[in-house]
Amino acid sequence: MILETTRLILRPLTPDDFETVHAWAGNPANTRYMAWGPNTEQETQDFLALAQTGKDFAVVEKETGRLIGSCGIYTDNANDTGELGWILHMDYWKQGYGTELGKELIRYGFETLKVRRLFAPCAAANYGSCRVMERNGMRREALHLKAFWARVDNQWVDKAVYAILAEEYGKQ
């Protein structure tokens, strides 16, 4: 399964992506707002070994062929609801790539997977992820106080949950 946007190709992750994936997955600054990380080499290898086609994607810059991040969509057993997630190497932040890949994951979720609802949790302080979701028509549904363990900072932080329904997507 390969998805395409104007500037990106979303393709399956493979064990051959290890070195590049570990460059962000093992970086504390890059994983500050993630529920996982920074990864050991073994944790990154384990993630890549378990990556599933159609759910986990490598984010590749079309123009250069560089692997710049990863993303995913994870549906429940009834294929009713899907959870979105993404990470970009920090060298590619603030260039619109997050918004672009988020838009494609949302399209894929509603048009191909036919889910009813998509959601994405994030550390509320992660302004970049919050903006990606807002730019893609997702709305903040909840703010859970001190509900997200920030491993890098070794503290509990607030968690925001954003979502969009298929009927809302259809009106965009």
C-alpha atoms as a PDB file:
ATOM      1  CA  MET A   1       0.000   0.000   0.000  1.00  0.00           C
ATOM      2  CA  ILE A   2       1.485   3.309  -1.128  1.00  0.00           C
ATOM      3  CA  LEU A   3      -0.182   6.681  -0.610  1.00  0.00           C
ATOM      4  CA  GLU A   4       0.870   9.905  -2.325  1.00  0.00           C
ATOM      5  CA  THR A   5       0.506  13.613  -1.699  1.00  0.00           C
ATOM      6  CA  THR A   6       1.920  16.584  -3.570  1.00  0.00           C
ATOM      7  CA  ARG A   7       5.325  16.355  -1.868  1.00  0.00           C
ATOM      8  CA  LEU A   8       5.282  13.000  -0.078  1.00  0.00           C
ATOM      9  CA  ILE A   9       5.101   9.273  -0.620  1.00  0.00           C
ATOM     10  CA  LEU A  10       3.769   7.159   2.245  1.00  0.00           C
ATOM     11  CA  ARG A  11       5.084   3.646   1.764  1.00  0.00           C
ATOM     12  CA  PRO A  12       5.470   0.580   3.985  1.00  0.00           C
ATOM     13  CA  LEU A  13       8.223   0.706   6.605  1.00  0.00           C
ATOM     14  CA  THR A  14      10.894  -1.977   6.316  1.00  0.00           C
ATOM     15  CA  PRO A  15      13.786  -3.185   8.498  1.00  0.00           C
ATOM     16  CA  ASP A  16      16.095  -1.500   5.950  1.00  0.00           C
ATOM     17  CA  ASP A  17      14.803   1.863   7.246  1.00  0.00           C
ATOM     18  CA  PHE A  18      16.473   1.267  10.622  1.00  0.00           C
ATOM     19  CA  GLU A  19      19.291   3.804  10.483  1.00  0.00           C
ATOM     20  CA  THR A  20      17.099   6.702   9.395  1.00  0.00           C
ATOM     21  CA  VAL A  21      14.176   5.802  11.682  1.00  0.00           C
ATOM     22  CA  HIS A  22      16.492   5.468  14.655  1.00  0.00           C
ATOM     23  CA  ALA A  23      17.900   8.953  13.936  1.00  0.00           C
ATOM     24  CA  TRP A  24      14.590  10.405  15.177  1.00  0.00           C
ATOM     25  CA  ALA A  25      13.278   7.534  17.305  1.00  0.00           C
ATOM     26  CA  GLY A  26      16.417   7.539  19.448  1.00  0.00           C
ATOM     27  CA  ASN A  27      16.604  11.325  19.752  1.00  0.00           C
ATOM     28  CA  PRO A  28      15.186  12.775  23.031  1.00  0.00           C
ATOM     29  CA  ALA A  29      14.455  16.163  21.431  1.00  0.00           C
ATOM     30  CA  ASN A  30      12.557  14.486  18.594  1.00  0.00           C
ATOM     31  CA  THR A  31      10.526  12.161  20.857  1.00  0.00           C
ATOM     32  CA  ARG A  32       9.816  14.668  23.646  1.00  0.00           C
ATOM     33  CA  TYR A  33       6.035  14.590  23.099  1.00  0.00           C
ATOM     34  CA  MET A  34       5.709  10.922  22.195  1.00  0.00           C
ATOM     35  CA  ALA A  35       4.303   8.198  24.466  1.00  0.00           C
ATOM     36  CA  TRP A  36       7.370   6.142  23.530  1.00  0.00           C
ATOM     37  CA  GLY A  37      11.062   6.884  23.129  1.00  0.00           C
ATOM     38  CA  PRO A  38      13.723   7.767  23.001  1.00  0.00           C
ATOM     39  CA  ASN A  39      14.241   4.282  21.643  1.00  0.00           C
ATOM     40  CA  THR A  40      17.144   1.961  22.127  1.00  0.00           C
ATOM     41  CA  GLU A  41      18.390   0.367  18.902  1.00  0.00           C
ATOM     42  CA  GLN A  42      16.528  -2.816  19.845  1.00  0.00           C
ATOM     43  CA  GLU A  43      13.253  -0.938  20.366  1.00  0.00           C
ATOM     44  CA  THR A  44      13.546   0.640  16.906  1.00  0.00           C
ATOM     45  CA  GLN A  45      14.345  -2.758  15.368  1.00  0.00           C
ATOM     46  CA  ASP A  46      11.338  -4.280  17.154  1.00  0.00           C
ATOM     47  CA  PHE A  47       9.062  -1.476  15.910  1.00  0.00           C
ATOM     48  CA  LEU A  48      10.184  -2.002  12.315  1.00  0.00           C
ATOM     49  CA  ALA A  49       9.792  -5.776  12.592  1.00  0.00           C
ATOM     50  CA  LEU A  50       6.175  -5.311  13.715  1.00  0.00           C
ATOM     51  CA  ALA A  51       5.242  -2.559  11.227  1.00  0.00           C
ATOM     52  CA  GLN A  52       2.112  -3.512   9.289  1.00  0.00           C
ATOM     53  CA  THR A  53       1.423  -2.704   5.652  1.00  0.00           C
ATOM     54  CA  GLY A  54      -1.592  -0.442   5.338  1.00  0.00           C
ATOM     55  CA  LYS A  55      -1.213   0.761   8.933  1.00  0.00           C
ATOM     56  CA  ASP A  56       2.395   1.914   9.399  1.00  0.00           C
ATOM     57  CA  PHE A  57       3.964   4.142   6.765  1.00  0.00           C
ATOM     58  CA  ALA A  58       7.371   5.607   6.029  1.00  0.00           C
ATOM     59  CA  VAL A  59       7.103   9.285   5.077  1.00  0.00           C
ATOM     60  CA  VAL A  60       9.364   9.950   2.090  1.00  0.00           C
ATOM     61  CA  GLU A  61      10.047  13.327   0.519  1.00  0.00           C
ATOM     62  CA  LYS A  62       9.271  12.920  -3.205  1.00  0.00           C
ATOM     63  CA  GLU A  63      11.826  15.411  -4.474  1.00  0.00           C
ATOM     64  CA  THR A  64      14.825  13.910  -2.646  1.00  0.00           C
ATOM     65  CA  GLY A  65      13.713  10.366  -1.844  1.00  0.00           C
ATOM     66  CA  ARG A  66      14.673  11.014   1.811  1.00  0.00           C
ATOM     67  CA  LEU A  67      12.860   9.196   4.578  1.00  0.00           C
ATOM     68  CA  ILE A  68      11.776  12.052   6.876  1.00  0.00           C
ATOM     69  CA  GLY A  69       9.298  10.440   9.265  1.00  0.00           C
ATOM     70  CA  SER A  70       6.700   7.785   9.881  1.00  0.00           C
ATOM     71  CA  CYS A  71       2.977   7.746  10.451  1.00  0.00           C
ATOM     72  CA  GLY A  72       0.168   5.335  11.012  1.00  0.00           C
ATOM     73  CA  ILE A  73      -3.529   4.654  11.245  1.00  0.00           C
ATOM     74  CA  TYR A  74      -4.792   1.990  13.622  1.00  0.00           C
ATOM     75  CA  THR A  75      -8.403   0.845  13.448  1.00  0.00           C
ATOM     76  CA  ASP A  76     -10.370  -0.961  16.121  1.00  0.00           C
ATOM     77  CA  ASN A  77     -11.561  -4.530  15.570  1.00  0.00           C
ATOM     78  CA  ALA A  78     -14.887  -3.349  14.136  1.00  0.00           C
ATOM     79  CA  ASN A  79     -13.087  -0.977  11.708  1.00  0.00           C
ATOM     80  CA  ASP A  80     -15.343   1.736  13.120  1.00  0.00           C
ATOM     81  CA  THR A  81     -12.761   4.054  14.686  1.00  0.00           C
ATOM     82  CA  GLY A  82      -9.156   4.749  13.804  1.00  0.00           C
ATOM     83  CA  GLU A  83      -6.320   6.347  15.735  1.00  0.00           C
ATOM     84  CA  LEU A  84      -3.799   8.498  13.870  1.00  0.00           C
ATOM     85  CA  GLY A  85      -0.161   9.074  14.755  1.00  0.00           C
ATOM     86  CA  TRP A  86       2.938  10.597  13.179  1.00  0.00           C
ATOM     87  CA  ILE A  87       6.462  11.743  13.791  1.00  0.00           C
ATOM     88  CA  LEU A  88       8.808  13.703  11.562  1.00  0.00           C
ATOM     89  CA  HIS A  89      12.532  14.141  11.985  1.00  0.00           C
ATOM     90  CA  MET A  90      12.909  17.553  13.579  1.00  0.00           C
ATOM     91  CA  ASP A  91      14.850  18.830  10.549  1.00  0.00           C
ATOM     92  CA  TYR A  92      11.515  18.710   8.682  1.00  0.00           C
ATOM     93  CA  TRP A  93       9.290  20.442  11.244  1.00  0.00           C
ATOM     94  CA  LYS A  94       7.452  23.663  10.338  1.00  0.00           C
ATOM     95  CA  GLN A  95       7.439  22.965   6.590  1.00  0.00           C
ATOM     96  CA  GLY A  96       3.836  21.774   6.220  1.00  0.00           C
ATOM     97  CA  TYR A  97       4.736  18.093   5.916  1.00  0.00           C
ATOM     98  CA  GLY A  98       2.748  17.145   9.024  1.00  0.00           C
ATOM     99  CA  THR A  99      -0.382  18.827   7.718  1.00  0.00           C
ATOM    100  CA  GLU A 100       0.100  17.170   4.328  1.00  0.00           C
ATOM    101  CA  LEU A 101       0.572  13.645   5.698  1.00  0.00           C
ATOM    102  CA  GLY A 102      -2.261  14.151   8.220  1.00  0.00           C
ATOM    103  CA  LYS A 103      -4.617  15.135   5.424  1.00  0.00           C
ATOM    104  CA  GLU A 104      -3.693  11.999   3.483  1.00  0.00           C
ATOM    105  CA  LEU A 105      -4.146   9.709   6.515  1.00  0.00           C
ATOM    106  CA  ILE A 106      -7.588  11.224   7.108  1.00  0.00           C
ATOM    107  CA  ARG A 107      -8.524  10.748   3.448  1.00  0.00           C
ATOM    108  CA  TYR A 108      -7.266   7.157   3.526  1.00  0.00           C
ATOM    109  CA  GLY A 109      -9.167   6.450   6.749  1.00  0.00           C
ATOM    110  CA  PHE A 110     -12.507   7.712   5.481  1.00  0.00           C
ATOM    111  CA  GLU A 111     -12.346   6.941   1.752  1.00  0.00           C
ATOM    112  CA  THR A 112     -10.445   3.646   1.715  1.00  0.00           C
ATOM    113  CA  LEU A 113     -10.841   2.111   5.164  1.00  0.00           C
ATOM    114  CA  LYS A 114     -14.387   3.507   5.535  1.00  0.00           C
ATOM    115  CA  VAL A 115     -14.056   4.279   9.255  1.00  0.00           C
ATOM    116  CA  ARG A 116     -16.746   6.348  10.977  1.00  0.00           C
ATOM    117  CA  ARG A 117     -14.424   8.314  13.262  1.00  0.00           C
ATOM    118  CA  LEU A 118     -10.740   9.217  13.461  1.00  0.00           C
ATOM    119  CA  PHE A 119      -8.981  10.535  16.536  1.00  0.00           C
ATOM    120  CA  ALA A 120      -5.482  11.421  17.653  1.00  0.00           C
ATOM    121  CA  PRO A 121      -4.151  12.040  21.152  1.00  0.00           C
ATOM    122  CA  CYS A 122      -1.123  14.218  21.823  1.00  0.00           C
ATOM    123  CA  ALA A 123       0.649  16.062  24.599  1.00  0.00           C
ATOM    124  CA  ALA A 124      -1.308  19.313  24.862  1.00  0.00           C
ATOM    125  CA  ALA A 125       1.972  21.244  24.840  1.00  0.00           C
ATOM    126  CA  ASN A 126       2.831  19.792  21.410  1.00  0.00           C
ATOM    127  CA  TYR A 127       1.734  22.870  19.505  1.00  0.00           C
ATOM    128  CA  GLY A 128       2.897  21.448  16.148  1.00  0.00           C
ATOM    129  CA  SER A 129       0.718  18.334  16.351  1.00  0.00           C
ATOM    130  CA  CYS A 130      -2.257  20.319  17.633  1.00  0.00           C
ATOM    131  CA  ARG A 131      -1.981  22.659  14.631  1.00  0.00           C
ATOM    132  CA  VAL A 132      -1.687  19.732  12.190  1.00  0.00           C
ATOM    133  CA  MET A 133      -4.970  18.357  13.488  1.00  0.00           C
ATOM    134  CA  GLU A 134      -6.735  21.717  13.508  1.00  0.00           C
ATOM    135  CA  ARG A 135      -5.601  22.498   9.942  1.00  0.00           C
ATOM    136  CA  ASN A 136      -7.096  19.177   8.864  1.00  0.00           C
ATOM    137  CA  GLY A 137     -10.524  19.862  10.309  1.00  0.00           C
ATOM    138  CA  MET A 138     -10.103  17.875  13.510  1.00  0.00           C
ATOM    139  CA  ARG A 139     -11.545  19.415  16.641  1.00  0.00           C
ATOM    140  CA  ARG A 140     -10.288  19.172  20.197  1.00  0.00           C
ATOM    141  CA  GLU A 141     -12.712  16.880  21.999  1.00  0.00           C
ATOM    142  CA  ALA A 142     -10.986  16.615  25.336  1.00  0.00           C
ATOM    143  CA  LEU A 143      -8.194  17.825  27.543  1.00  0.00           C
ATOM    144  CA  HIS A 144      -7.116  15.289  30.150  1.00  0.00           C
ATOM    145  CA  LEU A 145      -5.058  16.851  32.920  1.00  0.00           C
ATOM    146  CA  LYS A 146      -1.739  15.155  33.677  1.00  0.00           C
ATOM    147  CA  ALA A 147      -2.810  12.051  31.745  1.00  0.00           C
ATOM    148  CA  PHE A 148       0.209  11.677  29.441  1.00  0.00           C
ATOM    149  CA  TRP A 149       3.573  10.422  30.722  1.00  0.00           C
ATOM    150  CA  ALA A 150       6.284  12.484  29.026  1.00  0.00           C
ATOM    151  CA  ARG A 151       9.199  10.058  29.191  1.00  0.00           C
ATOM    152  CA  VAL A 152      11.844  12.558  28.101  1.00  0.00           C
ATOM    153  CA  ASP A 153      10.809  15.123  30.715  1.00  0.00           C
ATOM    154  CA  ASN A 154       9.985  12.408  33.248  1.00  0.00           C
ATOM    155  CA  GLN A 155       6.669  13.996  34.245  1.00  0.00           C
ATOM    156  CA  TRP A 156       2.924  13.849  33.732  1.00  0.00           C
ATOM    157  CA  VAL A 157       1.595  16.391  31.231  1.00  0.00           C
ATOM    158  CA  ASP A 158      -1.833  17.259  29.868  1.00  0.00           C
ATOM    159  CA  LYS A 159      -3.157  15.189  26.966  1.00  0.00           C
ATOM    160  CA  ALA A 160      -5.342  16.646  24.211  1.00  0.00           C
ATOM    161  CA  VAL A 161      -7.586  14.442  22.077  1.00  0.00           C
ATOM    162  CA  TYR A 162      -8.635  15.590  18.616  1.00  0.00           C
ATOM    163  CA  ALA A 163     -11.185  13.873  16.365  1.00  0.00           C
ATOM    164  CA  ILE A 164     -13.145  14.113  13.148  1.00  0.00           C
ATOM    165  CA  LEU A 165     -16.219  12.186  11.992  1.00  0.00           C
ATOM    166  CA  ALA A 166     -16.794  10.877   8.474  1.00  0.00           C
ATOM    167  CA  GLU A 167     -19.781  13.222   8.109  1.00  0.00           C
ATOM    168  CA  GLU A 168     -17.569  16.197   9.016  1.00  0.00           C
ATOM    169  CA  TYR A 169     -14.911  15.089   6.549  1.00  0.00           C
ATOM    170  CA  GLY A 170     -17.540  14.863   3.825  1.00  0.00           C
ATOM    171  CA  LYS A 171     -18.403  18.540   4.299  1.00  0.00           C
ATOM    172  CA  GLN A 172     -14.822  19.759   3.821  1.00  0.00           C
END
